[in-house]
């Protein structure tokens, strides 16, 4: 996110990152895979400052370029992103807003060698 502006970030918890297989995390942190790590992180960001009340169900394009699927259940007051639960919403940040998610979002086009399903929590 080299350009200034407001963003909405779906930020995984430390627990979400620790649920990734260690081999996957180790590979992502290798200098040779820096671009893949950047893509993974950018997949958690959408342009604009969007509160939980402004979110709508459907596909939303991420900064990475691939859309995520947002599902709202206003009856149960729940939000999911690619079937990952938002556990805390509407945290203000200096450049937008943060929604905490309980799993790392993995882009579907991440190389198979890195795209490992997280272990259940």
PDB file of N, CA and C in Angstrom:
ATOM      1  N   UNK A   1       0.846  -1.163   0.000  1.00  0.00           N
ATOM      2  CA  UNK A   1       0.000   0.000   0.000  1.00  0.00           C
ATOM      3  C   UNK A   1       0.895   1.229   0.000  1.00  0.00           C
ATOM      4  N   UNK A   2       1.487   1.457  -1.142  1.00  0.00           N
ATOM      5  CA  UNK A   2       2.402   2.577  -1.270  1.00  0.00           C
ATOM      6  C   UNK A   2       1.676   3.907  -1.374  1.00  0.00           C
ATOM      7  N   UNK A   3       0.413   3.858  -1.765  1.00  0.00           N
ATOM      8  CA  UNK A   3      -0.308   5.109  -1.952  1.00  0.00           C
ATOM      9  C   UNK A   3      -1.053   5.497  -0.678  1.00  0.00           C
ATOM     10  N   UNK A   4      -1.134   6.806  -0.431  1.00  0.00           N
ATOM     11  CA  UNK A   4      -1.877   7.243   0.741  1.00  0.00           C
ATOM     12  C   UNK A   4      -3.367   7.014   0.520  1.00  0.00           C
ATOM     13  N   UNK A   5      -4.092   6.921   1.574  1.00  0.00           N
ATOM     14  CA  UNK A   5      -5.530   6.734   1.449  1.00  0.00           C
ATOM     15  C   UNK A   5      -6.058   5.981   2.639  1.00  0.00           C
ATOM     16  N   UNK A   6      -7.332   5.768   2.614  1.00  0.00           N
ATOM     17  CA  UNK A   6      -7.979   5.030   3.699  1.00  0.00           C
ATOM     18  C   UNK A   6      -8.191   3.582   3.266  1.00  0.00           C
ATOM     19  N   UNK A   7      -8.014   2.674   4.218  1.00  0.00           N
ATOM     20  CA  UNK A   7      -8.129   1.253   3.939  1.00  0.00           C
ATOM     21  C   UNK A   7      -8.952   0.573   5.026  1.00  0.00           C
ATOM     22  N   UNK A   8      -9.493  -0.582   4.673  1.00  0.00           N
ATOM     23  CA  UNK A   8     -10.130  -1.469   5.629  1.00  0.00           C
ATOM     24  C   UNK A   8      -9.273  -2.721   5.678  1.00  0.00           C
ATOM     25  N   UNK A   9      -8.830  -3.079   6.886  1.00  0.00           N
ATOM     26  CA  UNK A   9      -7.943  -4.222   7.059  1.00  0.00           C
ATOM     27  C   UNK A   9      -8.668  -5.304   7.859  1.00  0.00           C
ATOM     28  N   UNK A  10      -8.642  -6.526   7.330  1.00  0.00           N
ATOM     29  CA  UNK A  10      -9.120  -7.698   8.056  1.00  0.00           C
ATOM     30  C   UNK A  10      -7.879  -8.322   8.686  1.00  0.00           C
ATOM     31  N   UNK A  11      -7.609  -7.973   9.938  1.00  0.00           N
ATOM     32  CA  UNK A  11      -6.363  -8.330  10.607  1.00  0.00           C
ATOM     33  C   UNK A  11      -6.487  -9.631  11.394  1.00  0.00           C
ATOM     34  N   UNK A  12      -5.692 -10.638  11.013  1.00  0.00           N
ATOM     35  CA  UNK A  12      -5.703 -11.882  11.781  1.00  0.00           C
ATOM     36  C   UNK A  12      -5.045 -11.687  13.155  1.00  0.00           C
ATOM     37  N   UNK A  13      -5.525 -12.435  14.129  1.00  0.00           N
ATOM     38  CA  UNK A  13      -4.941 -12.416  15.464  1.00  0.00           C
ATOM     39  C   UNK A  13      -3.614 -13.174  15.451  1.00  0.00           C
ATOM     40  N   UNK A  14      -2.838 -13.018  16.504  1.00  0.00           N
ATOM     41  CA  UNK A  14      -1.616 -13.808  16.652  1.00  0.00           C
ATOM     42  C   UNK A  14      -1.953 -15.295  16.646  1.00  0.00           C
ATOM     43  N   UNK A  15      -3.064 -15.652  17.276  1.00  0.00           N
ATOM     44  CA  UNK A  15      -3.500 -17.050  17.309  1.00  0.00           C
ATOM     45  C   UNK A  15      -3.780 -17.558  15.896  1.00  0.00           C
ATOM     46  N   UNK A  16      -4.353 -16.707  15.059  1.00  0.00           N
ATOM     47  CA  UNK A  16      -4.627 -17.095  13.670  1.00  0.00           C
ATOM     48  C   UNK A  16      -3.328 -17.393  12.928  1.00  0.00           C
ATOM     49  N   UNK A  17      -2.316 -16.533  13.118  1.00  0.00           N
ATOM     50  CA  UNK A  17      -1.026 -16.781  12.464  1.00  0.00           C
ATOM     51  C   UNK A  17      -0.371 -18.040  13.021  1.00  0.00           C
ATOM     52  N   UNK A  18      -0.488 -18.281  14.323  1.00  0.00           N
ATOM     53  CA  UNK A  18       0.136 -19.467  14.902  1.00  0.00           C
ATOM     54  C   UNK A  18      -0.576 -20.749  14.463  1.00  0.00           C
ATOM     55  N   UNK A  19      -1.815 -20.639  13.982  1.00  0.00           N
ATOM     56  CA  UNK A  19      -2.548 -21.805  13.485  1.00  0.00           C
ATOM     57  C   UNK A  19      -2.069 -22.237  12.106  1.00  0.00           C
ATOM     58  N   UNK A  20      -1.361 -21.349  11.399  1.00  0.00           N
ATOM     59  CA  UNK A  20      -0.793 -21.750  10.113  1.00  0.00           C
ATOM     60  C   UNK A  20       0.254 -22.826  10.366  1.00  0.00           C
ATOM     61  N   UNK A  21       0.348 -23.804   9.477  1.00  0.00           N
ATOM     62  CA  UNK A  21       1.424 -24.788   9.635  1.00  0.00           C
ATOM     63  C   UNK A  21       2.775 -24.071   9.674  1.00  0.00           C
ATOM     64  N   UNK A  22       3.642 -24.508  10.582  1.00  0.00           N
ATOM     65  CA  UNK A  22       4.939 -23.863  10.758  1.00  0.00           C
ATOM     66  C   UNK A  22       5.714 -23.802   9.448  1.00  0.00           C
ATOM     67  N   UNK A  23       5.644 -24.855   8.643  1.00  0.00           N
ATOM     68  CA  UNK A  23       6.367 -24.881   7.368  1.00  0.00           C
ATOM     69  C   UNK A  23       5.876 -23.774   6.437  1.00  0.00           C
ATOM     70  N   UNK A  24       4.578 -23.516   6.430  1.00  0.00           N
ATOM     71  CA  UNK A  24       4.023 -22.460   5.582  1.00  0.00           C
ATOM     72  C   UNK A  24       4.536 -21.100   6.033  1.00  0.00           C
ATOM     73  N   UNK A  25       4.464 -20.841   7.330  1.00  0.00           N
ATOM     74  CA  UNK A  25       4.928 -19.563   7.860  1.00  0.00           C
ATOM     75  C   UNK A  25       6.419 -19.388   7.606  1.00  0.00           C
ATOM     76  N   UNK A  26       7.200 -20.436   7.829  1.00  0.00           N
ATOM     77  CA  UNK A  26       8.645 -20.366   7.583  1.00  0.00           C
ATOM     78  C   UNK A  26       8.942 -20.038   6.120  1.00  0.00           C
ATOM     79  N   UNK A  27       8.196 -20.671   5.204  1.00  0.00           N
ATOM     80  CA  UNK A  27       8.398 -20.406   3.769  1.00  0.00           C
ATOM     81  C   UNK A  27       8.055 -18.958   3.431  1.00  0.00           C
ATOM     82  N   UNK A  28       6.946 -18.471   3.987  1.00  0.00           N
ATOM     83  CA  UNK A  28       6.534 -17.090   3.694  1.00  0.00           C
ATOM     84  C   UNK A  28       7.546 -16.065   4.202  1.00  0.00           C
ATOM     85  N   UNK A  29       8.247 -16.405   5.266  1.00  0.00           N
ATOM     86  CA  UNK A  29       9.211 -15.463   5.843  1.00  0.00           C
ATOM     87  C   UNK A  29      10.583 -15.518   5.179  1.00  0.00           C
ATOM     88  N   UNK A  30      10.794 -16.443   4.256  1.00  0.00           N
ATOM     89  CA  UNK A  30      12.060 -16.515   3.532  1.00  0.00           C
ATOM     90  C   UNK A  30      12.139 -15.360   2.539  1.00  0.00           C
ATOM     91  N   UNK A  31      13.325 -14.732   2.422  1.00  0.00           N
ATOM     92  CA  UNK A  31      13.470 -13.593   1.486  1.00  0.00           C
ATOM     93  C   UNK A  31      13.025 -13.910   0.059  1.00  0.00           C
ATOM     94  N   UNK A  32      13.230 -15.126  -0.403  1.00  0.00           N
ATOM     95  CA  UNK A  32      12.847 -15.488  -1.768  1.00  0.00           C
ATOM     96  C   UNK A  32      11.329 -15.427  -1.965  1.00  0.00           C
ATOM     97  N   UNK A  33      10.570 -15.535  -0.874  1.00  0.00           N
ATOM     98  CA  UNK A  33       9.110 -15.521  -0.954  1.00  0.00           C
ATOM     99  C   UNK A  33       8.505 -14.190  -0.500  1.00  0.00           C
ATOM    100  N   UNK A  34       9.315 -13.143  -0.461  1.00  0.00           N
ATOM    101  CA  UNK A  34       8.832 -11.844   0.019  1.00  0.00           C
ATOM    102  C   UNK A  34       7.598 -11.376  -0.759  1.00  0.00           C
ATOM    103  N   UNK A  35       7.608 -11.542  -2.072  1.00  0.00           N
ATOM    104  CA  UNK A  35       6.476 -11.090  -2.891  1.00  0.00           C
ATOM    105  C   UNK A  35       5.204 -11.858  -2.538  1.00  0.00           C
ATOM    106  N   UNK A  36       5.331 -13.143  -2.221  1.00  0.00           N
ATOM    107  CA  UNK A  36       4.166 -13.938  -1.835  1.00  0.00           C
ATOM    108  C   UNK A  36       3.617 -13.457  -0.490  1.00  0.00           C
ATOM    109  N   UNK A  37       4.512 -13.097   0.439  1.00  0.00           N
ATOM    110  CA  UNK A  37       4.081 -12.567   1.733  1.00  0.00           C
ATOM    111  C   UNK A  37       3.360 -11.237   1.545  1.00  0.00           C
ATOM    112  N   UNK A  38       3.894 -10.381   0.680  1.00  0.00           N
ATOM    113  CA  UNK A  38       3.253  -9.099   0.387  1.00  0.00           C
ATOM    114  C   UNK A  38       1.852  -9.334  -0.181  1.00  0.00           C
ATOM    115  N   UNK A  39       1.722 -10.299  -1.103  1.00  0.00           N
ATOM    116  CA  UNK A  39       0.416 -10.615  -1.692  1.00  0.00           C
ATOM    117  C   UNK A  39      -0.556 -11.115  -0.623  1.00  0.00           C
ATOM    118  N   UNK A  40      -0.063 -11.992   0.261  1.00  0.00           N
ATOM    119  CA  UNK A  40      -0.919 -12.524   1.318  1.00  0.00           C
ATOM    120  C   UNK A  40      -1.417 -11.395   2.212  1.00  0.00           C
ATOM    121  N   UNK A  41      -0.543 -10.494   2.595  1.00  0.00           N
ATOM    122  CA  UNK A  41      -0.948  -9.384   3.463  1.00  0.00           C
ATOM    123  C   UNK A  41      -1.900  -8.435   2.739  1.00  0.00           C
ATOM    124  N   UNK A  42      -1.644  -8.158   1.460  1.00  0.00           N
ATOM    125  CA  UNK A  42      -2.502  -7.257   0.684  1.00  0.00           C
ATOM    126  C   UNK A  42      -3.895  -7.866   0.462  1.00  0.00           C
ATOM    127  N   UNK A  43      -3.985  -9.194   0.552  1.00  0.00           N
ATOM    128  CA  UNK A  43      -5.277  -9.888   0.406  1.00  0.00           C
ATOM    129  C   UNK A  43      -6.184  -9.619   1.602  1.00  0.00           C
ATOM    130  N   UNK A  44      -5.630  -9.098   2.688  1.00  0.00           N
ATOM    131  CA  UNK A  44      -6.397  -8.760   3.887  1.00  0.00           C
ATOM    132  C   UNK A  44      -6.876  -7.312   3.898  1.00  0.00           C
ATOM    133  N   UNK A  45      -6.633  -6.580   2.800  1.00  0.00           N
ATOM    134  CA  UNK A  45      -6.901  -5.141   2.766  1.00  0.00           C
ATOM    135  C   UNK A  45      -7.816  -4.807   1.589  1.00  0.00           C
ATOM    136  N   UNK A  46      -8.833  -3.981   1.867  1.00  0.00           N
ATOM    137  CA  UNK A  46      -9.668  -3.453   0.794  1.00  0.00           C
ATOM    138  C   UNK A  46      -9.590  -1.925   0.822  1.00  0.00           C
ATOM    139  N   UNK A  47      -9.668  -1.305  -0.351  1.00  0.00           N
ATOM    140  CA  UNK A  47      -9.593   0.160  -0.398  1.00  0.00           C
ATOM    141  C   UNK A  47     -10.792   0.809   0.280  1.00  0.00           C
ATOM    142  N   UNK A  48     -10.560   1.905   0.945  1.00  0.00           N
ATOM    143  CA  UNK A  48     -11.628   2.669   1.568  1.00  0.00           C
ATOM    144  C   UNK A  48     -11.824   2.288   3.025  1.00  0.00           C
ATOM    145  N   UNK A  49     -12.396   3.202   3.764  1.00  0.00           N
ATOM    146  CA  UNK A  49     -12.682   2.979   5.184  1.00  0.00           C
ATOM    147  C   UNK A  49     -14.136   2.516   5.297  1.00  0.00           C
ATOM    148  N   UNK A  50     -14.326   1.216   5.582  1.00  0.00           N
ATOM    149  CA  UNK A  50     -15.661   0.637   5.570  1.00  0.00           C
ATOM    150  C   UNK A  50     -15.971   0.045   6.945  1.00  0.00           C
ATOM    151  N   UNK A  51     -16.917   0.629   7.638  1.00  0.00           N
ATOM    152  CA  UNK A  51     -17.314   0.131   8.950  1.00  0.00           C
ATOM    153  C   UNK A  51     -18.172  -1.123   8.797  1.00  0.00           C
ATOM    154  N   UNK A  52     -18.408  -1.801   9.904  1.00  0.00           N
ATOM    155  CA  UNK A  52     -19.246  -3.002   9.859  1.00  0.00           C
ATOM    156  C   UNK A  52     -20.658  -2.665   9.391  1.00  0.00           C
ATOM    157  N   UNK A  53     -21.150  -1.476   9.704  1.00  0.00           N
ATOM    158  CA  UNK A  53     -22.489  -1.071   9.271  1.00  0.00           C
ATOM    159  C   UNK A  53     -22.529  -0.762   7.769  1.00  0.00           C
ATOM    160  N   UNK A  54     -21.377  -0.405   7.186  1.00  0.00           N
ATOM    161  CA  UNK A  54     -21.324  -0.084   5.761  1.00  0.00           C
ATOM    162  C   UNK A  54     -21.021  -1.300   4.898  1.00  0.00           C
ATOM    163  N   UNK A  55     -20.499  -2.364   5.500  1.00  0.00           N
ATOM    164  CA  UNK A  55     -20.203  -3.574   4.733  1.00  0.00           C
ATOM    165  C   UNK A  55     -21.491  -4.166   4.171  1.00  0.00           C
ATOM    166  N   UNK A  56     -21.380  -4.749   2.984  1.00  0.00           N
ATOM    167  CA  UNK A  56     -22.505  -5.448   2.382  1.00  0.00           C
ATOM    168  C   UNK A  56     -22.033  -6.833   1.935  1.00  0.00           C
ATOM    169  N   UNK A  57     -22.950  -7.765   1.883  1.00  0.00           N
ATOM    170  CA  UNK A  57     -22.611  -9.109   1.424  1.00  0.00           C
ATOM    171  C   UNK A  57     -22.247  -9.071  -0.051  1.00  0.00           C
ATOM    172  N   UNK A  58     -21.256  -9.882  -0.410  1.00  0.00           N
ATOM    173  CA  UNK A  58     -20.856  -9.982  -1.808  1.00  0.00           C
ATOM    174  C   UNK A  58     -19.345  -9.989  -1.966  1.00  0.00           C
ATOM    175  N   UNK A  59     -18.929  -9.940  -3.213  1.00  0.00           N
ATOM    176  CA  UNK A  59     -17.513  -9.947  -3.558  1.00  0.00           C
ATOM    177  C   UNK A  59     -16.951  -8.526  -3.462  1.00  0.00           C
ATOM    178  N   UNK A  60     -15.775  -8.404  -2.836  1.00  0.00           N
ATOM    179  CA  UNK A  60     -15.105  -7.111  -2.731  1.00  0.00           C
ATOM    180  C   UNK A  60     -13.652  -7.311  -3.150  1.00  0.00           C
ATOM    181  N   UNK A  61     -13.186  -6.486  -4.076  1.00  0.00           N
ATOM    182  CA  UNK A  61     -11.817  -6.596  -4.566  1.00  0.00           C
ATOM    183  C   UNK A  61     -10.830  -6.115  -3.505  1.00  0.00           C
ATOM    184  N   UNK A  62      -9.790  -6.903  -3.281  1.00  0.00           N
ATOM    185  CA  UNK A  62      -8.761  -6.556  -2.304  1.00  0.00           C
ATOM    186  C   UNK A  62      -7.656  -5.740  -2.968  1.00  0.00           C
ATOM    187  N   UNK A  63      -6.774  -5.176  -2.158  1.00  0.00           N
ATOM    188  CA  UNK A  63      -5.611  -4.456  -2.681  1.00  0.00           C
ATOM    189  C   UNK A  63      -4.726  -5.419  -3.485  1.00  0.00           C
ATOM    190  N   UNK A  64      -4.713  -6.702  -3.099  1.00  0.00           N
ATOM    191  CA  UNK A  64      -3.941  -7.723  -3.813  1.00  0.00           C
ATOM    192  C   UNK A  64      -4.497  -7.945  -5.213  1.00  0.00           C
ATOM    193  N   UNK A  65      -5.785  -7.668  -5.414  1.00  0.00           N
ATOM    194  CA  UNK A  65      -6.394  -7.796  -6.738  1.00  0.00           C
ATOM    195  C   UNK A  65      -7.441  -8.890  -6.824  1.00  0.00           C
ATOM    196  N   UNK A  66      -7.398  -9.848  -5.923  1.00  0.00           N
ATOM    197  CA  UNK A  66      -8.354 -10.943  -5.907  1.00  0.00           C
ATOM    198  C   UNK A  66      -9.469 -10.598  -4.919  1.00  0.00           C
ATOM    199  N   UNK A  67     -10.731 -10.840  -5.288  1.00  0.00           N
ATOM    200  CA  UNK A  67     -11.818 -10.494  -4.368  1.00  0.00           C
ATOM    201  C   UNK A  67     -11.938 -11.462  -3.197  1.00  0.00           C
ATOM    202  N   UNK A  68     -12.511 -10.956  -2.108  1.00  0.00           N
ATOM    203  CA  UNK A  68     -12.931 -11.777  -0.973  1.00  0.00           C
ATOM    204  C   UNK A  68     -14.451 -11.759  -0.963  1.00  0.00           C
ATOM    205  N   UNK A  69     -15.023 -12.783  -0.335  1.00  0.00           N
ATOM    206  CA  UNK A  69     -16.477 -12.874  -0.242  1.00  0.00           C
ATOM    207  C   UNK A  69     -16.905 -12.501   1.170  1.00  0.00           C
ATOM    208  N   UNK A  70     -17.652 -11.429   1.283  1.00  0.00           N
ATOM    209  CA  UNK A  70     -18.147 -10.967   2.570  1.00  0.00           C
ATOM    210  C   UNK A  70     -19.591 -11.423   2.726  1.00  0.00           C
ATOM    211  N   UNK A  71     -19.874 -12.008   3.895  1.00  0.00           N
ATOM    212  CA  UNK A  71     -21.242 -12.431   4.208  1.00  0.00           C
ATOM    213  C   UNK A  71     -21.650 -11.773   5.517  1.00  0.00           C
ATOM    214  N   UNK A  72     -22.802 -11.117   5.489  1.00  0.00           N
ATOM    215  CA  UNK A  72     -23.343 -10.463   6.681  1.00  0.00           C
ATOM    216  C   UNK A  72     -24.580 -11.194   7.135  1.00  0.00           C
ATOM    217  N   UNK A  73     -24.678 -11.371   8.437  1.00  0.00           N
ATOM    218  CA  UNK A  73     -25.885 -11.920   9.044  1.00  0.00           C
ATOM    219  C   UNK A  73     -26.303 -10.921  10.113  1.00  0.00           C
ATOM    220  N   UNK A  74     -27.123  -9.956   9.708  1.00  0.00           N
ATOM    221  CA  UNK A  74     -27.531  -8.884  10.623  1.00  0.00           C
ATOM    222  C   UNK A  74     -28.362  -9.432  11.788  1.00  0.00           C
ATOM    223  N   UNK A  75     -29.096 -10.530  11.558  1.00  0.00           N
ATOM    224  CA  UNK A  75     -29.891 -11.125  12.623  1.00  0.00           C
ATOM    225  C   UNK A  75     -29.007 -11.594  13.773  1.00  0.00           C
ATOM    226  N   UNK A  76     -27.904 -12.262  13.436  1.00  0.00           N
ATOM    227  CA  UNK A  76     -26.980 -12.771  14.452  1.00  0.00           C
ATOM    228  C   UNK A  76     -25.806 -11.824  14.692  1.00  0.00           C
ATOM    229  N   UNK A  77     -25.841 -10.677  14.027  1.00  0.00           N
ATOM    230  CA  UNK A  77     -24.779  -9.684  14.158  1.00  0.00           C
ATOM    231  C   UNK A  77     -23.403 -10.301  13.904  1.00  0.00           C
ATOM    232  N   UNK A  78     -23.298 -11.052  12.797  1.00  0.00           N
ATOM    233  CA  UNK A  78     -22.023 -11.681  12.467  1.00  0.00           C
ATOM    234  C   UNK A  78     -21.591 -11.318  11.053  1.00  0.00           C
ATOM    235  N   UNK A  79     -20.259 -11.288  10.880  1.00  0.00           N
ATOM    236  CA  UNK A  79     -19.640 -10.991   9.593  1.00  0.00           C
ATOM    237  C   UNK A  79     -18.585 -12.051   9.339  1.00  0.00           C
ATOM    238  N   UNK A  80     -18.574 -12.573   8.112  1.00  0.00           N
ATOM    239  CA  UNK A  80     -17.496 -13.479   7.716  1.00  0.00           C
ATOM    240  C   UNK A  80     -16.867 -12.970   6.427  1.00  0.00           C
ATOM    241  N   UNK A  81     -15.589 -13.260   6.288  1.00  0.00           N
ATOM    242  CA  UNK A  81     -14.827 -12.944   5.082  1.00  0.00           C
ATOM    243  C   UNK A  81     -14.227 -14.267   4.621  1.00  0.00           C
ATOM    244  N   UNK A  82     -14.655 -14.748   3.445  1.00  0.00           N
ATOM    245  CA  UNK A  82     -14.239 -16.076   2.974  1.00  0.00           C
ATOM    246  C   UNK A  82     -14.475 -17.131   4.056  1.00  0.00           C
ATOM    247  N   UNK A  83     -15.604 -17.067   4.717  1.00  0.00           N
ATOM    248  CA  UNK A  83     -15.995 -17.999   5.777  1.00  0.00           C
ATOM    249  C   UNK A  83     -15.134 -17.896   7.037  1.00  0.00           C
ATOM    250  N   UNK A  84     -14.350 -16.842   7.148  1.00  0.00           N
ATOM    251  CA  UNK A  84     -13.547 -16.580   8.343  1.00  0.00           C
ATOM    252  C   UNK A  84     -14.293 -15.534   9.164  1.00  0.00           C
ATOM    253  N   UNK A  85     -14.448 -15.802  10.442  1.00  0.00           N
ATOM    254  CA  UNK A  85     -15.265 -14.954  11.307  1.00  0.00           C
ATOM    255  C   UNK A  85     -14.551 -13.661  11.723  1.00  0.00           C
ATOM    256  N   UNK A  86     -15.276 -12.550  11.617  1.00  0.00           N
ATOM    257  CA  UNK A  86     -14.814 -11.279  12.178  1.00  0.00           C
ATOM    258  C   UNK A  86     -15.172 -11.320  13.657  1.00  0.00           C
ATOM    259  N   UNK A  87     -14.153 -11.250  14.516  1.00  0.00           N
ATOM    260  CA  UNK A  87     -14.385 -11.366  15.960  1.00  0.00           C
ATOM    261  C   UNK A  87     -14.490 -10.019  16.659  1.00  0.00           C
ATOM    262  N   UNK A  88     -13.932  -8.996  16.041  1.00  0.00           N
ATOM    263  CA  UNK A  88     -14.037  -7.633  16.577  1.00  0.00           C
ATOM    264  C   UNK A  88     -14.029  -6.693  15.379  1.00  0.00           C
ATOM    265  N   UNK A  89     -14.922  -5.715  15.387  1.00  0.00           N
ATOM    266  CA  UNK A  89     -15.025  -4.831  14.230  1.00  0.00           C
ATOM    267  C   UNK A  89     -14.873  -3.370  14.625  1.00  0.00           C
ATOM    268  N   UNK A  90     -14.647  -2.570  13.601  1.00  0.00           N
ATOM    269  CA  UNK A  90     -14.675  -1.106  13.714  1.00  0.00           C
ATOM    270  C   UNK A  90     -13.626  -0.530  14.663  1.00  0.00           C
ATOM    271  N   UNK A  91     -12.404  -1.020  14.558  1.00  0.00           N
ATOM    272  CA  UNK A  91     -11.301  -0.465  15.340  1.00  0.00           C
ATOM    273  C   UNK A  91     -10.688   0.654  14.507  1.00  0.00           C
ATOM    274  N   UNK A  92     -10.754   1.900  14.989  1.00  0.00           N
ATOM    275  CA  UNK A  92     -10.214   3.007  14.200  1.00  0.00           C
ATOM    276  C   UNK A  92      -8.691   2.949  14.122  1.00  0.00           C
ATOM    277  N   UNK A  93      -8.173   3.328  12.968  1.00  0.00           N
ATOM    278  CA  UNK A  93      -6.729   3.424  12.741  1.00  0.00           C
ATOM    279  C   UNK A  93      -6.445   4.748  12.037  1.00  0.00           C
ATOM    280  N   UNK A  94      -5.196   5.160  12.042  1.00  0.00           N
ATOM    281  CA  UNK A  94      -4.854   6.461  11.452  1.00  0.00           C
ATOM    282  C   UNK A  94      -5.127   6.509   9.949  1.00  0.00           C
ATOM    283  N   UNK A  95      -5.103   5.344   9.274  1.00  0.00           N
ATOM    284  CA  UNK A  95      -5.319   5.322   7.829  1.00  0.00           C
ATOM    285  C   UNK A  95      -6.508   4.458   7.429  1.00  0.00           C
ATOM    286  N   UNK A  96      -7.482   4.314   8.337  1.00  0.00           N
ATOM    287  CA  UNK A  96      -8.666   3.545   7.988  1.00  0.00           C
ATOM    288  C   UNK A  96      -9.293   2.868   9.177  1.00  0.00           C
ATOM    289  N   UNK A  97      -9.715   1.631   8.956  1.00  0.00           N
ATOM    290  CA  UNK A  97     -10.430   0.892   9.992  1.00  0.00           C
ATOM    291  C   UNK A  97      -9.980  -0.562   9.964  1.00  0.00           C
ATOM    292  N   UNK A  98     -10.017  -1.209  11.129  1.00  0.00           N
ATOM    293  CA  UNK A  98      -9.561  -2.590  11.258  1.00  0.00           C
ATOM    294  C   UNK A  98     -10.707  -3.450  11.779  1.00  0.00           C
ATOM    295  N   UNK A  99     -10.824  -4.636  11.183  1.00  0.00           N
ATOM    296  CA  UNK A  99     -11.743  -5.665  11.653  1.00  0.00           C
ATOM    297  C   UNK A  99     -10.867  -6.894  11.951  1.00  0.00           C
ATOM    298  N   UNK A 100     -10.955  -7.435  13.149  1.00  0.00           N
ATOM    299  CA  UNK A 100     -10.144  -8.585  13.552  1.00  0.00           C
ATOM    300  C   UNK A 100     -10.809  -9.875  13.066  1.00  0.00           C
ATOM    301  N   UNK A 101     -10.017 -10.763  12.448  1.00  0.00           N
ATOM    302  CA  UNK A 101     -10.509 -12.058  11.982  1.00  0.00           C
ATOM    303  C   UNK A 101      -9.777 -13.179  12.711  1.00  0.00           C
ATOM    304  N   UNK A 102     -10.423 -14.351  12.799  1.00  0.00           N
ATOM    305  CA  UNK A 102      -9.859 -15.444  13.585  1.00  0.00           C
ATOM    306  C   UNK A 102      -9.027 -16.446  12.785  1.00  0.00           C
ATOM    307  N   UNK A 103      -8.816 -16.170  11.494  1.00  0.00           N
ATOM    308  CA  UNK A 103      -7.947 -17.007  10.659  1.00  0.00           C
ATOM    309  C   UNK A 103      -7.241 -16.125   9.641  1.00  0.00           C
ATOM    310  N   UNK A 104      -6.115 -16.612   9.147  1.00  0.00           N
ATOM    311  CA  UNK A 104      -5.411 -15.918   8.073  1.00  0.00           C
ATOM    312  C   UNK A 104      -6.160 -16.203   6.769  1.00  0.00           C
ATOM    313  N   UNK A 105      -6.418 -15.155   5.997  1.00  0.00           N
ATOM    314  CA  UNK A 105      -7.063 -15.304   4.691  1.00  0.00           C
ATOM    315  C   UNK A 105      -5.997 -15.678   3.666  1.00  0.00           C
ATOM    316  N   UNK A 106      -6.184 -16.789   2.988  1.00  0.00           N
ATOM    317  CA  UNK A 106      -5.210 -17.230   1.987  1.00  0.00           C
ATOM    318  C   UNK A 106      -5.769 -17.002   0.593  1.00  0.00           C
ATOM    319  N   UNK A 107      -5.072 -16.199  -0.218  1.00  0.00           N
ATOM    320  CA  UNK A 107      -5.547 -15.971  -1.588  1.00  0.00           C
ATOM    321  C   UNK A 107      -5.609 -17.281  -2.355  1.00  0.00           C
ATOM    322  N   UNK A 108      -6.629 -17.468  -3.177  1.00  0.00           N
ATOM    323  CA  UNK A 108      -6.758 -18.724  -3.925  1.00  0.00           C
ATOM    324  C   UNK A 108      -5.632 -18.916  -4.928  1.00  0.00           C
ATOM    325  N   UNK A 109      -4.979 -17.844  -5.355  1.00  0.00           N
ATOM    326  CA  UNK A 109      -3.920 -17.957  -6.359  1.00  0.00           C
ATOM    327  C   UNK A 109      -2.523 -17.974  -5.737  1.00  0.00           C
ATOM    328  N   UNK A 110      -2.436 -18.195  -4.428  1.00  0.00           N
ATOM    329  CA  UNK A 110      -1.144 -18.350  -3.776  1.00  0.00           C
ATOM    330  C   UNK A 110      -0.542 -19.666  -4.260  1.00  0.00           C
ATOM    331  N   UNK A 111       0.766 -19.717  -4.535  1.00  0.00           N
ATOM    332  CA  UNK A 111       1.363 -20.973  -5.024  1.00  0.00           C
ATOM    333  C   UNK A 111       1.027 -22.151  -4.111  1.00  0.00           C
ATOM    334  N   UNK A 112       0.778 -23.301  -4.711  1.00  0.00           N
ATOM    335  CA  UNK A 112       0.380 -24.489  -3.954  1.00  0.00           C
ATOM    336  C   UNK A 112       1.394 -24.842  -2.872  1.00  0.00           C
ATOM    337  N   UNK A 113       2.648 -24.539  -3.104  1.00  0.00           N
ATOM    338  CA  UNK A 113       3.673 -24.864  -2.112  1.00  0.00           C
ATOM    339  C   UNK A 113       3.525 -24.035  -0.843  1.00  0.00           C
ATOM    340  N   UNK A 114       2.799 -22.917  -0.934  1.00  0.00           N
ATOM    341  CA  UNK A 114       2.597 -22.068   0.236  1.00  0.00           C
ATOM    342  C   UNK A 114       1.171 -22.137   0.761  1.00  0.00           C
ATOM    343  N   UNK A 115       0.224 -22.481  -0.085  1.00  0.00           N
ATOM    344  CA  UNK A 115      -1.200 -22.451   0.262  1.00  0.00           C
ATOM    345  C   UNK A 115      -1.587 -23.720   1.000  1.00  0.00           C
ATOM    346  N   UNK A 116      -1.309 -23.731   2.292  1.00  0.00           N
ATOM    347  CA  UNK A 116      -1.593 -24.872   3.144  1.00  0.00           C
ATOM    348  C   UNK A 116      -2.763 -24.506   4.055  1.00  0.00           C
ATOM    349  N   UNK A 117      -3.718 -25.393   4.179  1.00  0.00           N
ATOM    350  CA  UNK A 117      -4.887 -25.123   5.013  1.00  0.00           C
ATOM    351  C   UNK A 117      -4.476 -25.017   6.470  1.00  0.00           C
ATOM    352  N   UNK A 118      -4.942 -23.965   7.172  1.00  0.00           N
ATOM    353  CA  UNK A 118      -4.616 -23.846   8.593  1.00  0.00           C
ATOM    354  C   UNK A 118      -5.175 -25.017   9.393  1.00  0.00           C
ATOM    355  N   UNK A 119      -4.481 -25.340  10.467  1.00  0.00           N
ATOM    356  CA  UNK A 119      -4.965 -26.405  11.335  1.00  0.00           C
ATOM    357  C   UNK A 119      -6.152 -25.895  12.137  1.00  0.00           C
ATOM    358  N   UNK A 120      -7.129 -26.759  12.440  1.00  0.00           N
ATOM    359  CA  UNK A 120      -8.301 -26.304  13.207  1.00  0.00           C
ATOM    360  C   UNK A 120      -7.883 -25.798  14.586  1.00  0.00           C
ATOM    361  N   UNK A 121      -8.634 -24.814  15.063  1.00  0.00           N
ATOM    362  CA  UNK A 121      -8.325 -24.251  16.376  1.00  0.00           C
ATOM    363  C   UNK A 121      -9.151 -24.893  17.447  1.00  0.00           C
TER     364      UNK A 121
END
